Protein backbone atom coordinates (compact mmCIF):
# COMPACT_ATOMS: atom_id res chain seq x y z
CA UNK A 1 0.00 0.00 0.00
CA UNK A 2 1.20 3.50 -0.83
CA UNK A 3 2.03 5.84 2.05
CA UNK A 4 0.67 9.40 2.30
CA UNK A 5 4.01 10.97 1.36
CA UNK A 6 4.12 9.07 -1.92
CA UNK A 7 0.47 9.89 -2.66
CA UNK A 8 1.26 13.56 -2.16
CA UNK A 9 4.37 13.37 -4.39
CA UNK A 10 2.33 11.72 -7.15
CA UNK A 11 -0.47 14.29 -6.84
CA UNK A 12 -3.16 11.87 -5.67
CA UNK A 13 -4.66 14.61 -3.50
CA UNK A 14 -5.10 16.96 -6.48
CA UNK A 15 -7.90 17.44 -8.99
CA UNK A 16 -7.43 16.86 -12.73
CA UNK A 17 -6.08 20.06 -14.27
CA UNK A 18 -4.19 21.19 -11.15
CA UNK A 19 -0.63 22.42 -11.75
CA UNK A 20 1.18 19.14 -11.09
CA UNK A 21 2.72 17.10 -13.88
CA UNK A 22 0.40 14.12 -13.26
CA UNK A 23 -2.79 15.98 -12.28
CA UNK A 24 -2.58 18.46 -15.16
CA UNK A 25 -3.15 15.66 -17.71
CA UNK A 26 -5.97 13.84 -15.88
CA UNK A 27 -6.66 11.94 -12.66
CA UNK A 28 -3.28 11.38 -10.98
CA UNK A 29 -4.32 7.99 -9.67
CA UNK A 30 -4.95 6.87 -13.28
CA UNK A 31 -1.69 8.24 -14.78
CA UNK A 32 -0.08 4.81 -14.83
CA UNK A 33 -3.01 2.86 -16.26
CA UNK A 34 -3.86 5.46 -18.93
CA UNK A 35 -0.27 5.33 -20.21
CA UNK A 36 -0.28 1.53 -20.06
CA UNK A 37 -3.56 1.33 -22.01
CA UNK A 38 -2.11 3.46 -24.82
CA UNK A 39 1.01 1.32 -24.89
CA UNK A 40 -0.97 -1.92 -24.87
CA UNK A 41 -3.34 -0.70 -27.57
CA UNK A 42 -0.58 0.31 -29.97
CA UNK A 43 1.46 -2.85 -29.42
CA UNK A 44 -1.76 -4.83 -29.93
CA UNK A 45 -2.23 -2.96 -33.21
CA UNK A 46 1.28 -3.85 -34.32
CA UNK A 47 3.71 -1.27 -32.90
CA UNK A 48 7.18 -2.78 -32.63
CA UNK A 49 10.48 -1.39 -31.38
CA UNK A 50 11.68 -0.40 -34.87
CA UNK A 51 8.63 1.75 -35.67
CA UNK A 52 8.38 5.54 -35.53
CA UNK A 53 5.64 6.92 -33.27
CA UNK A 54 4.19 10.43 -33.13
CA UNK A 55 2.51 11.29 -29.80
CA UNK A 56 0.42 14.46 -30.28
CA UNK A 57 -0.25 16.18 -26.97
CA UNK A 58 2.32 14.00 -25.19
CA UNK A 59 1.92 15.97 -21.94
CA UNK A 60 4.00 14.74 -19.01
CA UNK A 61 4.63 11.50 -20.89
CA UNK A 62 2.15 9.12 -19.24
CA UNK A 63 2.46 6.93 -22.34
CA UNK A 64 5.84 8.28 -23.44
CA UNK A 65 7.44 6.86 -20.30
CA UNK A 66 6.61 3.41 -21.73
CA UNK A 67 7.10 4.12 -25.45
CA UNK A 68 10.50 5.84 -25.13
CA UNK A 69 12.29 2.88 -23.47
CA UNK A 70 10.55 0.41 -25.81
CA UNK A 71 11.27 2.07 -29.14
CA UNK A 72 14.72 2.08 -30.67
CA UNK A 73 16.69 5.35 -30.31
CA UNK A 74 15.06 8.14 -32.29
CA UNK A 75 11.75 6.31 -32.65
CA UNK A 76 9.60 8.50 -30.37
CA UNK A 77 8.34 11.92 -31.43
CA UNK A 78 6.15 14.17 -29.31
CA UNK A 79 4.31 17.45 -29.72
CA UNK A 80 3.25 19.41 -26.64
CA UNK A 81 2.41 23.07 -25.97
CA UNK A 82 3.35 22.89 -22.25
CA UNK A 83 7.15 22.50 -22.02
CA UNK A 84 7.06 22.27 -18.21
CA UNK A 85 4.90 19.13 -18.43
CA UNK A 86 7.44 17.26 -20.55
CA UNK A 87 10.35 18.47 -18.44
CA UNK A 88 8.71 17.29 -15.21
CA UNK A 89 7.68 14.01 -16.84
CA UNK A 90 11.30 13.41 -17.84
CA UNK A 91 12.60 14.40 -14.40
CA UNK A 92 10.09 12.31 -12.41
CA UNK A 93 9.31 9.36 -14.68
CA UNK A 94 12.22 8.71 -17.06
CA UNK A 95 15.45 10.46 -16.12
CA UNK A 96 17.88 12.35 -18.32
CA UNK A 97 20.14 9.34 -18.94
CA UNK A 98 17.33 7.46 -20.71
CA UNK A 99 16.56 10.57 -22.78
CA UNK A 100 20.21 10.71 -23.83
CA UNK A 101 20.20 7.03 -24.80
CA UNK A 102 16.82 6.95 -26.60
CA UNK A 103 16.95 10.46 -28.14
CA UNK A 104 13.21 11.21 -28.35
CA UNK A 105 12.33 14.25 -30.47
CA UNK A 106 9.85 16.63 -28.82
CA UNK A 107 8.65 19.98 -30.13
CA UNK A 108 6.80 22.53 -28.06
CA UNK A 109 4.10 24.51 -29.83
CA UNK A 110 0.45 25.28 -29.24
CA UNK A 111 -0.41 24.66 -32.89
CA UNK A 112 0.52 20.97 -32.54
CA UNK A 113 2.61 21.38 -35.69
CA UNK A 114 4.83 18.40 -36.41
CA UNK A 115 5.62 18.84 -40.11
CA UNK A 116 9.24 19.75 -39.33
CA UNK A 117 9.99 16.24 -38.12
CA UNK A 118 10.43 15.06 -41.72
CA UNK A 119 9.84 11.49 -40.57
CA UNK A 120 7.68 8.70 -41.91
CA UNK A 121 5.54 7.76 -38.91
CA UNK A 122 4.21 4.25 -38.57
CA UNK A 123 1.83 5.16 -35.75
CA UNK A 124 0.22 8.36 -34.52
CA UNK A 125 -1.57 8.74 -31.20
CA UNK A 126 -3.57 11.80 -30.16
CA UNK A 127 -5.63 10.89 -27.11
CA UNK A 128 -7.64 13.54 -25.22
CA UNK A 129 -6.06 16.51 -26.95
CA UNK A 130 -9.44 18.18 -27.50
CA UNK A 131 -10.48 17.81 -23.86
CA UNK A 132 -7.20 19.35 -22.65
CA UNK A 133 -6.92 22.10 -25.27
CA UNK A 134 -7.71 25.77 -24.68
CA UNK A 135 -10.35 27.50 -26.79
CA UNK A 136 -7.55 29.04 -28.82
CA UNK A 137 -5.90 25.66 -29.42
CA UNK A 138 -9.19 24.05 -30.47
CA UNK A 139 -9.27 26.51 -33.36
CA UNK A 140 -6.14 24.94 -34.86
CA UNK A 141 -7.16 21.31 -34.25
CA UNK A 142 -8.74 20.91 -37.69
CA UNK A 143 -5.35 21.69 -39.24
CA UNK A 144 -3.77 19.12 -36.94
CA UNK A 145 -6.21 16.46 -38.12
CA UNK A 146 -5.35 17.37 -41.71
CA UNK A 147 -1.62 17.08 -40.89
CA UNK A 148 -2.18 13.64 -39.36
CA UNK A 149 -4.02 12.44 -42.45
CA UNK A 150 -1.31 13.87 -44.70
CA UNK A 151 1.52 12.31 -42.72
CA UNK A 152 -0.15 8.93 -42.40
CA UNK A 153 -1.38 8.52 -45.95
CA UNK A 154 1.27 10.44 -47.88
CA UNK A 155 4.16 8.85 -46.01
CA UNK A 156 3.08 5.27 -46.15
CA UNK A 157 1.14 4.18 -43.06
CA UNK A 158 -1.78 3.44 -45.38
CA UNK A 159 -0.19 0.03 -45.91
CA UNK A 160 -1.11 -1.02 -42.38
CA UNK A 161 -4.50 0.71 -42.20
CA UNK A 162 -6.59 -2.33 -43.16
CA UNK A 163 -4.68 -4.61 -40.80
CA UNK A 164 -4.99 -2.10 -37.92
CA UNK A 165 -8.69 -1.65 -38.64
CA UNK A 166 -9.20 -5.42 -38.31
CA UNK A 167 -7.31 -5.41 -34.98
CA UNK A 168 -9.34 -2.42 -33.75
CA UNK A 169 -12.55 -4.27 -34.65
CA UNK A 170 -11.40 -7.25 -32.54
CA UNK A 171 -10.62 -4.88 -29.67
CA UNK A 172 -14.09 -3.33 -29.94
CA UNK A 173 -15.65 -6.81 -29.80
CA UNK A 174 -13.58 -7.61 -26.69
CA UNK A 175 -14.72 -4.33 -25.08
CA UNK A 176 -18.35 -5.25 -25.73
CA UNK A 177 -17.85 -8.56 -23.91
CA UNK A 178 -15.66 -7.37 -21.02
CA UNK A 179 -16.84 -4.56 -18.70
CA UNK A 180 -13.25 -3.80 -17.57
CA UNK A 181 -12.13 -3.08 -21.14
CA UNK A 182 -15.40 -1.28 -21.95
CA UNK A 183 -14.78 1.30 -19.19
CA UNK A 184 -11.74 2.61 -21.05
CA UNK A 185 -13.31 3.20 -24.47
């Protein structure tokens, strides 16, 4: 069982959105499982260590803390408007040595622009960016969706679309049968 000091350090006493690297991105007591669900979903859909992943709205790296060690060096790319979130995620969840070894590429901008990466992404994840975005940021989200489509289809991820769609359909069927899975979708 976790002691009160650890709960406080991890922000368990805070509300979602409070200025703490875990609370700012959602319920602090779900930080671990939300990141794990993203990781499990993408590996279920075919993500392997040699792939290139774009994490739009990567926040304090709840999923990045699992993807960065898993992917080969240079395989993780993130976009986040709040630099402090990423910095605290690195400091508290990953450590600078791992960042040096794995060399993730992260850009900080409120437009969620990732065209400068010049990389062919195999997978793109953008979970809860609308619910965490400011009114101003929501105005540029349509352009972000267009960028995602352009990057995925122009750069080659179309090849795995049908296969991923079949896997997603199987996951949906599993969620319909299992209440635990259903609660997360």
